[in-house]
Amino acid sequence: MKFEDNLKKLESLVSKMEAGELGLDEMIVAFEEGRKLADECQKSLESIRLRIEKVTRTGAVEPMEA
């Protein structure tokens, strides 16, 4: 899944949790899913950061791994 897709889904989960739209069991499932999405977003951002550092160091652009 793309970073933007993961971020939108995470934002949707957070909104539902903050609005109190979920019961306790649903809240726990949403929290677990949100944690996974947050981890994926963090990995994507780290990959992008490393790619940018490499480009600025070498001047070469390499394809980004999915």
C-alpha atoms as a PDB file:
ATOM      1  CA  MET A   1       0.000   0.000   0.000  1.00  0.00           C
ATOM      2  CA  LYS A   2       1.207   3.517  -0.724  1.00  0.00           C
ATOM      3  CA  PHE A   3       2.165   5.968   2.002  1.00  0.00           C
ATOM      4  CA  GLU A   4      -0.747   8.253   1.189  1.00  0.00           C
ATOM      5  CA  ASP A   5      -3.243   5.385   1.363  1.00  0.00           C
ATOM      6  CA  ASN A   6      -1.877   4.219   4.717  1.00  0.00           C
ATOM      7  CA  LEU A   7      -1.961   7.756   6.078  1.00  0.00           C
ATOM      8  CA  LYS A   8      -5.576   8.333   4.994  1.00  0.00           C
ATOM      9  CA  LYS A   9      -6.665   5.063   6.567  1.00  0.00           C
ATOM     10  CA  LEU A  10      -4.801   5.908   9.768  1.00  0.00           C
ATOM     11  CA  GLU A  11      -6.389   9.369   9.896  1.00  0.00           C
ATOM     12  CA  SER A  12      -9.827   7.791   9.425  1.00  0.00           C
ATOM     13  CA  LEU A  13      -9.239   5.359  12.280  1.00  0.00           C
ATOM     14  CA  VAL A  14      -8.032   8.142  14.561  1.00  0.00           C
ATOM     15  CA  SER A  15     -11.079  10.255  13.740  1.00  0.00           C
ATOM     16  CA  LYS A  16     -13.439   7.399  14.588  1.00  0.00           C
ATOM     17  CA  MET A  17     -11.598   6.710  17.821  1.00  0.00           C
ATOM     18  CA  GLU A  18     -11.573  10.368  18.853  1.00  0.00           C
ATOM     19  CA  ALA A  19     -15.261  10.763  18.003  1.00  0.00           C
ATOM     20  CA  GLY A  20     -16.184   7.834  20.247  1.00  0.00           C
ATOM     21  CA  GLU A  21     -17.827   5.999  17.348  1.00  0.00           C
ATOM     22  CA  LEU A  22     -16.367   2.642  18.353  1.00  0.00           C
ATOM     23  CA  GLY A  23     -17.105   0.229  21.141  1.00  0.00           C
ATOM     24  CA  LEU A  24     -14.291  -1.078  23.313  1.00  0.00           C
ATOM     25  CA  ASP A  25     -13.648  -4.208  21.224  1.00  0.00           C
ATOM     26  CA  GLU A  26     -13.717  -2.178  18.008  1.00  0.00           C
ATOM     27  CA  MET A  27     -11.442   0.404  19.599  1.00  0.00           C
ATOM     28  CA  ILE A  28      -8.847  -2.246  20.423  1.00  0.00           C
ATOM     29  CA  VAL A  29      -8.937  -3.637  16.872  1.00  0.00           C
ATOM     30  CA  ALA A  30      -8.705  -0.108  15.456  1.00  0.00           C
ATOM     31  CA  PHE A  31      -5.757   0.667  17.741  1.00  0.00           C
ATOM     32  CA  GLU A  32      -3.913  -2.475  16.613  1.00  0.00           C
ATOM     33  CA  GLU A  33      -4.571  -1.676  12.960  1.00  0.00           C
ATOM     34  CA  GLY A  34      -3.562   1.938  13.510  1.00  0.00           C
ATOM     35  CA  ARG A  35      -0.294   0.865  15.125  1.00  0.00           C
ATOM     36  CA  LYS A  36       0.519  -1.297  12.085  1.00  0.00           C
ATOM     37  CA  LEU A  37      -0.356   1.544   9.706  1.00  0.00           C
ATOM     38  CA  ALA A  38       1.767   3.987  11.705  1.00  0.00           C
ATOM     39  CA  ASP A  39       4.704   1.565  11.535  1.00  0.00           C
ATOM     40  CA  GLU A  40       4.282   1.229   7.754  1.00  0.00           C
ATOM     41  CA  CYS A  41       4.138   5.013   7.365  1.00  0.00           C
ATOM     42  CA  GLN A  42       7.293   5.362   9.452  1.00  0.00           C
ATOM     43  CA  LYS A  43       9.102   2.774   7.318  1.00  0.00           C
ATOM     44  CA  SER A  44       8.045   4.581   4.150  1.00  0.00           C
ATOM     45  CA  LEU A  45       9.230   7.930   5.484  1.00  0.00           C
ATOM     46  CA  GLU A  46      12.565   6.430   6.523  1.00  0.00           C
ATOM     47  CA  SER A  47      13.020   4.937   3.056  1.00  0.00           C
ATOM     48  CA  ILE A  48      12.232   8.297   1.469  1.00  0.00           C
ATOM     49  CA  ARG A  49      14.648  10.076   3.823  1.00  0.00           C
ATOM     50  CA  LEU A  50      17.441   7.665   2.931  1.00  0.00           C
ATOM     51  CA  ARG A  51      16.726   8.072  -0.761  1.00  0.00           C
ATOM     52  CA  ILE A  52      16.868  11.861  -0.486  1.00  0.00           C
ATOM     53  CA  GLU A  53      20.146  11.675   1.423  1.00  0.00           C
ATOM     54  CA  LYS A  54      21.598   9.435  -1.262  1.00  0.00           C
ATOM     55  CA  VAL A  55      20.473  11.749  -4.054  1.00  0.00           C
ATOM     56  CA  THR A  56      21.973  14.788  -2.388  1.00  0.00           C
ATOM     57  CA  ARG A  57      25.227  12.926  -1.705  1.00  0.00           C
ATOM     58  CA  THR A  58      25.765  11.380  -5.123  1.00  0.00           C
ATOM     59  CA  GLY A  59      23.521  13.397  -7.427  1.00  0.00           C
ATOM     60  CA  ALA A  60      22.128  10.125  -8.806  1.00  0.00           C
ATOM     61  CA  VAL A  61      18.511   9.062  -8.517  1.00  0.00           C
ATOM     62  CA  GLU A  62      17.770   5.411  -7.916  1.00  0.00           C
ATOM     63  CA  PRO A  63      14.350   3.757  -8.153  1.00  0.00           C
ATOM     64  CA  MET A  64      12.482   3.571  -4.876  1.00  0.00           C
ATOM     65  CA  GLU A  65      11.678   0.133  -3.534  1.00  0.00           C
ATOM     66  CA  ALA A  66       7.994  -0.531  -2.897  1.00  0.00           C
END
